[in-house]
Amino acid sequence: MQIDNERLTKYLDEIISETTDLEALLVRQDKEILQDRHMLKSLKYSTIVIAEAIASTLQHILAKRHNIVVETVTWRFLQGAGNSVCCLTN
């Protein structure tokens, strides 16, 4: 199957955007960051978005190029919910 370049571009744009936001926040002094809980939440959120975009990029490449389907916690949760059972372990 073909890799969806538009999809990968979307993921890479998310990574770049969130990285730029992180860099803008990290120019501040550590003390200032640690005293502002909203700034800390912003840093955490951006880090999570970056991690998800990286994971989605790798999953897409594995699925399309190597026919390897990666089961995510979300996928397993939804699969379990359909059977009225929630399985979050590997």
PDB file of N, CA and C in Angstrom:
ATOM      1  N   MET A   1       0.825  -1.184   0.000  1.00  0.00           N
ATOM      2  CA  MET A   1       0.000   0.000   0.000  1.00  0.00           C
ATOM      3  C   MET A   1       0.874   1.254   0.000  1.00  0.00           C
ATOM      4  N   GLN A   2       0.297   2.307  -0.492  1.00  0.00           N
ATOM      5  CA  GLN A   2       1.015   3.572  -0.582  1.00  0.00           C
ATOM      6  C   GLN A   2       0.961   4.345   0.735  1.00  0.00           C
ATOM      7  N   ILE A   3       2.048   4.973   1.058  1.00  0.00           N
ATOM      8  CA  ILE A   3       2.080   5.875   2.200  1.00  0.00           C
ATOM      9  C   ILE A   3       1.344   7.146   1.809  1.00  0.00           C
ATOM     10  N   ASP A   4       0.505   7.630   2.700  1.00  0.00           N
ATOM     11  CA  ASP A   4      -0.279   8.835   2.469  1.00  0.00           C
ATOM     12  C   ASP A   4       0.569  10.050   2.842  1.00  0.00           C
ATOM     13  N   ASN A   5       1.126  10.697   1.841  1.00  0.00           N
ATOM     14  CA  ASN A   5       2.008  11.844   2.084  1.00  0.00           C
ATOM     15  C   ASN A   5       1.289  12.994   2.773  1.00  0.00           C
ATOM     16  N   GLU A   6       0.028  13.182   2.463  1.00  0.00           N
ATOM     17  CA  GLU A   6      -0.745  14.254   3.096  1.00  0.00           C
ATOM     18  C   GLU A   6      -0.892  13.993   4.596  1.00  0.00           C
ATOM     19  N   ARG A   7      -1.135  12.746   4.929  1.00  0.00           N
ATOM     20  CA  ARG A   7      -1.259  12.361   6.336  1.00  0.00           C
ATOM     21  C   ARG A   7       0.066  12.571   7.078  1.00  0.00           C
ATOM     22  N   LEU A   8       1.163  12.130   6.469  1.00  0.00           N
ATOM     23  CA  LEU A   8       2.471  12.304   7.096  1.00  0.00           C
ATOM     24  C   LEU A   8       2.829  13.785   7.229  1.00  0.00           C
ATOM     25  N   THR A   9       2.478  14.562   6.233  1.00  0.00           N
ATOM     26  CA  THR A   9       2.726  16.005   6.295  1.00  0.00           C
ATOM     27  C   THR A   9       1.965  16.625   7.463  1.00  0.00           C
ATOM     28  N   LYS A  10       0.726  16.192   7.672  1.00  0.00           N
ATOM     29  CA  LYS A  10      -0.074  16.681   8.798  1.00  0.00           C
ATOM     30  C   LYS A  10       0.630  16.365  10.115  1.00  0.00           C
ATOM     31  N   TYR A  11       1.100  15.127  10.269  1.00  0.00           N
ATOM     32  CA  TYR A  11       1.790  14.734  11.503  1.00  0.00           C
ATOM     33  C   TYR A  11       3.072  15.539  11.696  1.00  0.00           C
ATOM     34  N   LEU A  12       3.830  15.701  10.630  1.00  0.00           N
ATOM     35  CA  LEU A  12       5.086  16.442  10.734  1.00  0.00           C
ATOM     36  C   LEU A  12       4.834  17.925  11.031  1.00  0.00           C
ATOM     37  N   ASP A  13       3.776  18.479  10.467  1.00  0.00           N
ATOM     38  CA  ASP A  13       3.409  19.870  10.774  1.00  0.00           C
ATOM     39  C   ASP A  13       3.053  20.031  12.253  1.00  0.00           C
ATOM     40  N   GLU A  14       2.347  19.024  12.813  1.00  0.00           N
ATOM     41  CA  GLU A  14       2.025  19.060  14.244  1.00  0.00           C
ATOM     42  C   GLU A  14       3.295  19.040  15.083  1.00  0.00           C
ATOM     43  N   ILE A  15       4.233  18.191  14.704  1.00  0.00           N
ATOM     44  CA  ILE A  15       5.493  18.092  15.436  1.00  0.00           C
ATOM     45  C   ILE A  15       6.237  19.423  15.393  1.00  0.00           C
ATOM     46  N   ILE A  16       6.327  20.017  14.222  1.00  0.00           N
ATOM     47  CA  ILE A  16       7.023  21.297  14.070  1.00  0.00           C
ATOM     48  C   ILE A  16       6.326  22.392  14.869  1.00  0.00           C
ATOM     49  N   SER A  17       5.009  22.460  14.783  1.00  0.00           N
ATOM     50  CA  SER A  17       4.243  23.489  15.479  1.00  0.00           C
ATOM     51  C   SER A  17       4.422  23.389  16.989  1.00  0.00           C
ATOM     52  N   GLU A  18       4.275  22.195  17.516  1.00  0.00           N
ATOM     53  CA  GLU A  18       4.396  22.015  18.965  1.00  0.00           C
ATOM     54  C   GLU A  18       5.833  22.211  19.437  1.00  0.00           C
ATOM     55  N   THR A  19       6.796  21.813  18.625  1.00  0.00           N
ATOM     56  CA  THR A  19       8.204  22.029  18.978  1.00  0.00           C
ATOM     57  C   THR A  19       8.510  23.517  19.047  1.00  0.00           C
ATOM     58  N   THR A  20       7.967  24.270  18.108  1.00  0.00           N
ATOM     59  CA  THR A  20       8.141  25.721  18.111  1.00  0.00           C
ATOM     60  C   THR A  20       7.544  26.330  19.381  1.00  0.00           C
ATOM     61  N   ASP A  21       6.362  25.847  19.767  1.00  0.00           N
ATOM     62  CA  ASP A  21       5.736  26.331  20.997  1.00  0.00           C
ATOM     63  C   ASP A  21       6.588  26.004  22.217  1.00  0.00           C
ATOM     64  N   LEU A  22       7.118  24.783  22.252  1.00  0.00           N
ATOM     65  CA  LEU A  22       7.990  24.393  23.368  1.00  0.00           C
ATOM     66  C   LEU A  22       9.227  25.280  23.446  1.00  0.00           C
ATOM     67  N   GLU A  23       9.845  25.501  22.313  1.00  0.00           N
ATOM     68  CA  GLU A  23      11.051  26.334  22.288  1.00  0.00           C
ATOM     69  C   GLU A  23      10.757  27.744  22.786  1.00  0.00           C
ATOM     70  N   ALA A  24       9.592  28.272  22.413  1.00  0.00           N
ATOM     71  CA  ALA A  24       9.222  29.621  22.844  1.00  0.00           C
ATOM     72  C   ALA A  24       9.035  29.689  24.362  1.00  0.00           C
ATOM     73  N   LEU A  25       8.503  28.638  24.948  1.00  0.00           N
ATOM     74  CA  LEU A  25       8.306  28.623  26.397  1.00  0.00           C
ATOM     75  C   LEU A  25       9.605  28.375  27.154  1.00  0.00           C
ATOM     76  N   LEU A  26      10.478  27.591  26.572  1.00  0.00           N
ATOM     77  CA  LEU A  26      11.695  27.191  27.282  1.00  0.00           C
ATOM     78  C   LEU A  26      12.792  28.258  27.299  1.00  0.00           C
ATOM     79  N   VAL A  27      12.571  29.396  26.662  1.00  0.00           N
ATOM     80  CA  VAL A  27      13.544  30.484  26.753  1.00  0.00           C
ATOM     81  C   VAL A  27      13.421  31.197  28.107  1.00  0.00           C
ATOM     82  N   ARG A  28      12.329  30.939  28.820  1.00  0.00           N
ATOM     83  CA  ARG A  28      12.112  31.553  30.130  1.00  0.00           C
ATOM     84  C   ARG A  28      12.947  30.847  31.190  1.00  0.00           C
ATOM     85  N   GLN A  29      13.130  31.507  32.285  1.00  0.00           N
ATOM     86  CA  GLN A  29      13.877  30.936  33.406  1.00  0.00           C
ATOM     87  C   GLN A  29      13.098  29.756  34.000  1.00  0.00           C
ATOM     88  N   ASP A  30      13.830  28.758  34.480  1.00  0.00           N
ATOM     89  CA  ASP A  30      13.192  27.589  35.080  1.00  0.00           C
ATOM     90  C   ASP A  30      12.241  27.975  36.205  1.00  0.00           C
ATOM     91  N   LYS A  31      12.669  28.902  37.027  1.00  0.00           N
ATOM     92  CA  LYS A  31      11.856  29.329  38.163  1.00  0.00           C
ATOM     93  C   LYS A  31      10.518  29.893  37.701  1.00  0.00           C
ATOM     94  N   GLU A  32      10.545  30.679  36.646  1.00  0.00           N
ATOM     95  CA  GLU A  32       9.309  31.261  36.101  1.00  0.00           C
ATOM     96  C   GLU A  32       8.380  30.164  35.574  1.00  0.00           C
ATOM     97  N   ILE A  33       8.947  29.196  34.894  1.00  0.00           N
ATOM     98  CA  ILE A  33       8.146  28.085  34.356  1.00  0.00           C
ATOM     99  C   ILE A  33       7.529  27.286  35.491  1.00  0.00           C
ATOM    100  N   LEU A  34       8.321  26.957  36.494  1.00  0.00           N
ATOM    101  CA  LEU A  34       7.856  26.126  37.602  1.00  0.00           C
ATOM    102  C   LEU A  34       6.795  26.812  38.455  1.00  0.00           C
ATOM    103  N   GLN A  35       6.767  28.115  38.456  1.00  0.00           N
ATOM    104  CA  GLN A  35       5.788  28.851  39.248  1.00  0.00           C
ATOM    105  C   GLN A  35       4.465  29.059  38.523  1.00  0.00           C
ATOM    106  N   ASP A  36       4.424  28.783  37.253  1.00  0.00           N
ATOM    107  CA  ASP A  36       3.218  29.007  36.454  1.00  0.00           C
ATOM    108  C   ASP A  36       2.622  27.662  36.034  1.00  0.00           C
ATOM    109  N   ARG A  37       1.562  27.246  36.708  1.00  0.00           N
ATOM    110  CA  ARG A  37       0.997  25.917  36.431  1.00  0.00           C
ATOM    111  C   ARG A  37       0.416  25.809  35.030  1.00  0.00           C
ATOM    112  N   HIS A  38      -0.072  26.921  34.477  1.00  0.00           N
ATOM    113  CA  HIS A  38      -0.598  26.873  33.117  1.00  0.00           C
ATOM    114  C   HIS A  38       0.533  26.669  32.096  1.00  0.00           C
ATOM    115  N   MET A  39       1.672  27.259  32.378  1.00  0.00           N
ATOM    116  CA  MET A  39       2.815  27.073  31.495  1.00  0.00           C
ATOM    117  C   MET A  39       3.284  25.611  31.558  1.00  0.00           C
ATOM    118  N   LEU A  40       3.302  25.052  32.765  1.00  0.00           N
ATOM    119  CA  LEU A  40       3.680  23.646  32.913  1.00  0.00           C
ATOM    120  C   LEU A  40       2.715  22.732  32.152  1.00  0.00           C
ATOM    121  N   LYS A  41       1.432  23.039  32.259  1.00  0.00           N
ATOM    122  CA  LYS A  41       0.430  22.250  31.536  1.00  0.00           C
ATOM    123  C   LYS A  41       0.627  22.382  30.025  1.00  0.00           C
ATOM    124  N   SER A  42       0.975  23.564  29.572  1.00  0.00           N
ATOM    125  CA  SER A  42       1.237  23.778  28.148  1.00  0.00           C
ATOM    126  C   SER A  42       2.420  22.949  27.682  1.00  0.00           C
ATOM    127  N   LEU A  43       3.467  22.915  28.495  1.00  0.00           N
ATOM    128  CA  LEU A  43       4.646  22.117  28.154  1.00  0.00           C
ATOM    129  C   LEU A  43       4.299  20.632  28.086  1.00  0.00           C
ATOM    130  N   LYS A  44       3.542  20.175  29.063  1.00  0.00           N
ATOM    131  CA  LYS A  44       3.137  18.761  29.081  1.00  0.00           C
ATOM    132  C   LYS A  44       2.272  18.434  27.866  1.00  0.00           C
ATOM    133  N   TYR A  45       1.303  19.302  27.585  1.00  0.00           N
ATOM    134  CA  TYR A  45       0.401  19.069  26.465  1.00  0.00           C
ATOM    135  C   TYR A  45       1.172  18.999  25.146  1.00  0.00           C
ATOM    136  N   SER A  46       2.066  19.956  24.934  1.00  0.00           N
ATOM    137  CA  SER A  46       2.840  19.966  23.688  1.00  0.00           C
ATOM    138  C   SER A  46       3.692  18.711  23.562  1.00  0.00           C
ATOM    139  N   THR A  47       4.260  18.269  24.674  1.00  0.00           N
ATOM    140  CA  THR A  47       5.073  17.051  24.664  1.00  0.00           C
ATOM    141  C   THR A  47       4.228  15.844  24.280  1.00  0.00           C
ATOM    142  N   ILE A  48       3.010  15.765  24.814  1.00  0.00           N
ATOM    143  CA  ILE A  48       2.113  14.655  24.494  1.00  0.00           C
ATOM    144  C   ILE A  48       1.702  14.698  23.025  1.00  0.00           C
ATOM    145  N   VAL A  49       1.377  15.872  22.520  1.00  0.00           N
ATOM    146  CA  VAL A  49       0.984  16.003  21.110  1.00  0.00           C
ATOM    147  C   VAL A  49       2.136  15.569  20.197  1.00  0.00           C
ATOM    148  N   ILE A  50       3.360  15.960  20.538  1.00  0.00           N
ATOM    149  CA  ILE A  50       4.531  15.556  19.752  1.00  0.00           C
ATOM    150  C   ILE A  50       4.675  14.038  19.775  1.00  0.00           C
ATOM    151  N   ALA A  51       4.566  13.443  20.959  1.00  0.00           N
ATOM    152  CA  ALA A  51       4.701  11.982  21.079  1.00  0.00           C
ATOM    153  C   ALA A  51       3.632  11.259  20.280  1.00  0.00           C
ATOM    154  N   GLU A  52       2.395  11.752  20.325  1.00  0.00           N
ATOM    155  CA  GLU A  52       1.313  11.132  19.563  1.00  0.00           C
ATOM    156  C   GLU A  52       1.542  11.260  18.059  1.00  0.00           C
ATOM    157  N   ALA A  53       2.020  12.403  17.617  1.00  0.00           N
ATOM    158  CA  ALA A  53       2.278  12.607  16.189  1.00  0.00           C
ATOM    159  C   ALA A  53       3.411  11.698  15.715  1.00  0.00           C
ATOM    160  N   ILE A  54       4.439  11.532  16.535  1.00  0.00           N
ATOM    161  CA  ILE A  54       5.538  10.624  16.184  1.00  0.00           C
ATOM    162  C   ILE A  54       5.017   9.189  16.111  1.00  0.00           C
ATOM    163  N   ALA A  55       4.225   8.787  17.105  1.00  0.00           N
ATOM    164  CA  ALA A  55       3.668   7.435  17.121  1.00  0.00           C
ATOM    165  C   ALA A  55       2.763   7.200  15.911  1.00  0.00           C
ATOM    166  N   SER A  56       1.932   8.174  15.580  1.00  0.00           N
ATOM    167  CA  SER A  56       1.041   8.040  14.422  1.00  0.00           C
ATOM    168  C   SER A  56       1.833   7.931  13.127  1.00  0.00           C
ATOM    169  N   THR A  57       2.912   8.692  13.026  1.00  0.00           N
ATOM    170  CA  THR A  57       3.783   8.632  11.840  1.00  0.00           C
ATOM    171  C   THR A  57       4.366   7.237  11.691  1.00  0.00           C
ATOM    172  N   LEU A  58       4.915   6.722  12.770  1.00  0.00           N
ATOM    173  CA  LEU A  58       5.536   5.392  12.720  1.00  0.00           C
ATOM    174  C   LEU A  58       4.509   4.301  12.462  1.00  0.00           C
ATOM    175  N   GLN A  59       3.335   4.395  13.087  1.00  0.00           N
ATOM    176  CA  GLN A  59       2.282   3.409  12.857  1.00  0.00           C
ATOM    177  C   GLN A  59       1.841   3.402  11.396  1.00  0.00           C
ATOM    178  N   HIS A  60       1.704   4.577  10.828  1.00  0.00           N
ATOM    179  CA  HIS A  60       1.280   4.670   9.431  1.00  0.00           C
ATOM    180  C   HIS A  60       2.318   4.031   8.508  1.00  0.00           C
ATOM    181  N   ILE A  61       3.577   4.343   8.740  1.00  0.00           N
ATOM    182  CA  ILE A  61       4.644   3.771   7.904  1.00  0.00           C
ATOM    183  C   ILE A  61       4.686   2.255   8.056  1.00  0.00           C
ATOM    184  N   LEU A  62       4.601   1.763   9.290  1.00  0.00           N
ATOM    185  CA  LEU A  62       4.612   0.313   9.512  1.00  0.00           C
ATOM    186  C   LEU A  62       3.431  -0.367   8.827  1.00  0.00           C
ATOM    187  N   ALA A  63       2.257   0.251   8.923  1.00  0.00           N
ATOM    188  CA  ALA A  63       1.060  -0.348   8.320  1.00  0.00           C
ATOM    189  C   ALA A  63       1.130  -0.338   6.800  1.00  0.00           C
ATOM    190  N   LYS A  64       1.524   0.769   6.223  1.00  0.00           N
ATOM    191  CA  LYS A  64       1.492   0.901   4.765  1.00  0.00           C
ATOM    192  C   LYS A  64       2.677   0.250   4.066  1.00  0.00           C
ATOM    193  N   ARG A  65       3.848   0.387   4.631  1.00  0.00           N
ATOM    194  CA  ARG A  65       5.034  -0.124   3.962  1.00  0.00           C
ATOM    195  C   ARG A  65       5.343  -1.582   4.316  1.00  0.00           C
ATOM    196  N   HIS A  66       5.043  -1.962   5.565  1.00  0.00           N
ATOM    197  CA  HIS A  66       5.445  -3.286   6.031  1.00  0.00           C
ATOM    198  C   HIS A  66       4.276  -4.174   6.453  1.00  0.00           C
ATOM    199  N   ASN A  67       3.036  -3.692   6.259  1.00  0.00           N
ATOM    200  CA  ASN A  67       1.833  -4.439   6.632  1.00  0.00           C
ATOM    201  C   ASN A  67       1.850  -4.897   8.085  1.00  0.00           C
ATOM    202  N   ILE A  68       2.359  -4.062   8.957  1.00  0.00           N
ATOM    203  CA  ILE A  68       2.385  -4.354  10.388  1.00  0.00           C
ATOM    204  C   ILE A  68       1.375  -3.435  11.068  1.00  0.00           C
ATOM    205  N   VAL A  69       0.385  -4.044  11.701  1.00  0.00           N
ATOM    206  CA  VAL A  69      -0.625  -3.269  12.397  1.00  0.00           C
ATOM    207  C   VAL A  69      -0.218  -3.179  13.861  1.00  0.00           C
ATOM    208  N   VAL A  70      -0.144  -1.964  14.362  1.00  0.00           N
ATOM    209  CA  VAL A  70       0.240  -1.731  15.746  1.00  0.00           C
ATOM    210  C   VAL A  70      -1.027  -1.535  16.554  1.00  0.00           C
ATOM    211  N   GLU A  71      -1.199  -2.370  17.575  1.00  0.00           N
ATOM    212  CA  GLU A  71      -2.350  -2.220  18.458  1.00  0.00           C
ATOM    213  C   GLU A  71      -2.032  -1.153  19.495  1.00  0.00           C
ATOM    214  N   THR A  72      -2.862  -0.151  19.552  1.00  0.00           N
ATOM    215  CA  THR A  72      -2.673   0.911  20.540  1.00  0.00           C
ATOM    216  C   THR A  72      -3.577   0.648  21.733  1.00  0.00           C
ATOM    217  N   VAL A  73      -3.304   1.313  22.817  1.00  0.00           N
ATOM    218  CA  VAL A  73      -4.156   1.190  23.996  1.00  0.00           C
ATOM    219  C   VAL A  73      -5.574   1.637  23.648  1.00  0.00           C
ATOM    220  N   THR A  74      -5.687   2.705  22.884  1.00  0.00           N
ATOM    221  CA  THR A  74      -7.011   3.195  22.483  1.00  0.00           C
ATOM    222  C   THR A  74      -7.749   2.144  21.668  1.00  0.00           C
ATOM    223  N   TRP A  75      -7.062   1.524  20.724  1.00  0.00           N
ATOM    224  CA  TRP A  75      -7.687   0.494  19.890  1.00  0.00           C
ATOM    225  C   TRP A  75      -8.157  -0.669  20.743  1.00  0.00           C
ATOM    226  N   ARG A  76      -7.322  -1.097  21.665  1.00  0.00           N
ATOM    227  CA  ARG A  76      -7.688  -2.226  22.526  1.00  0.00           C
ATOM    228  C   ARG A  76      -8.850  -1.845  23.429  1.00  0.00           C
ATOM    229  N   PHE A  77      -8.867  -0.609  23.894  1.00  0.00           N
ATOM    230  CA  PHE A  77      -9.963  -0.150  24.736  1.00  0.00           C
ATOM    231  C   PHE A  77     -11.272  -0.195  23.959  1.00  0.00           C
ATOM    232  N   LEU A  78     -11.254   0.342  22.744  1.00  0.00           N
ATOM    233  CA  LEU A  78     -12.468   0.358  21.927  1.00  0.00           C
ATOM    234  C   LEU A  78     -12.909  -1.054  21.558  1.00  0.00           C
ATOM    235  N   GLN A  79     -11.963  -1.915  21.284  1.00  0.00           N
ATOM    236  CA  GLN A  79     -12.284  -3.301  20.945  1.00  0.00           C
ATOM    237  C   GLN A  79     -12.936  -3.976  22.153  1.00  0.00           C
ATOM    238  N   GLY A  80     -12.368  -3.747  23.330  1.00  0.00           N
ATOM    239  CA  GLY A  80     -12.926  -4.323  24.543  1.00  0.00           C
ATOM    240  C   GLY A  80     -14.287  -3.747  24.869  1.00  0.00           C
ATOM    241  N   ALA A  81     -14.465  -2.445  24.630  1.00  0.00           N
ATOM    242  CA  ALA A  81     -15.741  -1.797  24.915  1.00  0.00           C
ATOM    243  C   ALA A  81     -16.859  -2.385  24.062  1.00  0.00           C
ATOM    244  N   GLY A  82     -16.513  -2.793  22.857  1.00  0.00           N
ATOM    245  CA  GLY A  82     -17.501  -3.423  21.990  1.00  0.00           C
ATOM    246  C   GLY A  82     -17.954  -4.761  22.518  1.00  0.00           C
ATOM    247  N   ASN A  83     -17.113  -5.395  23.322  1.00  0.00           N
ATOM    248  CA  ASN A  83     -17.445  -6.689  23.920  1.00  0.00           C
ATOM    249  C   ASN A  83     -17.831  -6.548  25.387  1.00  0.00           C
ATOM    250  N   SER A  84     -18.066  -5.314  25.824  1.00  0.00           N
ATOM    251  CA  SER A  84     -18.395  -4.998  27.219  1.00  0.00           C
ATOM    252  C   SER A  84     -17.265  -5.369  28.176  1.00  0.00           C
ATOM    253  N   VAL A  85     -16.062  -5.519  27.652  1.00  0.00           N
ATOM    254  CA  VAL A  85     -14.902  -5.818  28.479  1.00  0.00           C
ATOM    255  C   VAL A  85     -13.807  -4.856  28.071  1.00  0.00           C
ATOM    256  N   CYS A  86     -13.077  -4.340  29.022  1.00  0.00           N
ATOM    257  CA  CYS A  86     -12.003  -3.395  28.708  1.00  0.00           C
ATOM    258  C   CYS A  86     -10.666  -4.050  28.993  1.00  0.00           C
ATOM    259  N   CYS A  87      -9.875  -4.209  27.968  1.00  0.00           N
ATOM    260  CA  CYS A  87      -8.552  -4.816  28.130  1.00  0.00           C
ATOM    261  C   CYS A  87      -7.498  -3.783  27.799  1.00  0.00           C
ATOM    262  N   LEU A  88      -6.704  -3.369  28.782  1.00  0.00           N
ATOM    263  CA  LEU A  88      -5.682  -2.356  28.547  1.00  0.00           C
ATOM    264  C   LEU A  88      -4.270  -2.922  28.625  1.00  0.00           C
ATOM    265  N   THR A  89      -4.129  -4.201  28.721  1.00  0.00           N
ATOM    266  CA  THR A  89      -2.792  -4.794  28.791  1.00  0.00           C
ATOM    267  C   THR A  89      -2.424  -5.355  27.436  1.00  0.00           C
ATOM    268  N   ASN A  90      -1.129  -5.596  27.267  1.00  0.00           N
ATOM    269  CA  ASN A  90      -0.665  -6.163  25.998  1.00  0.00           C
ATOM    270  C   ASN A  90      -0.984  -7.600  25.927  1.00  0.00           C
TER     271      ASN A  90
END
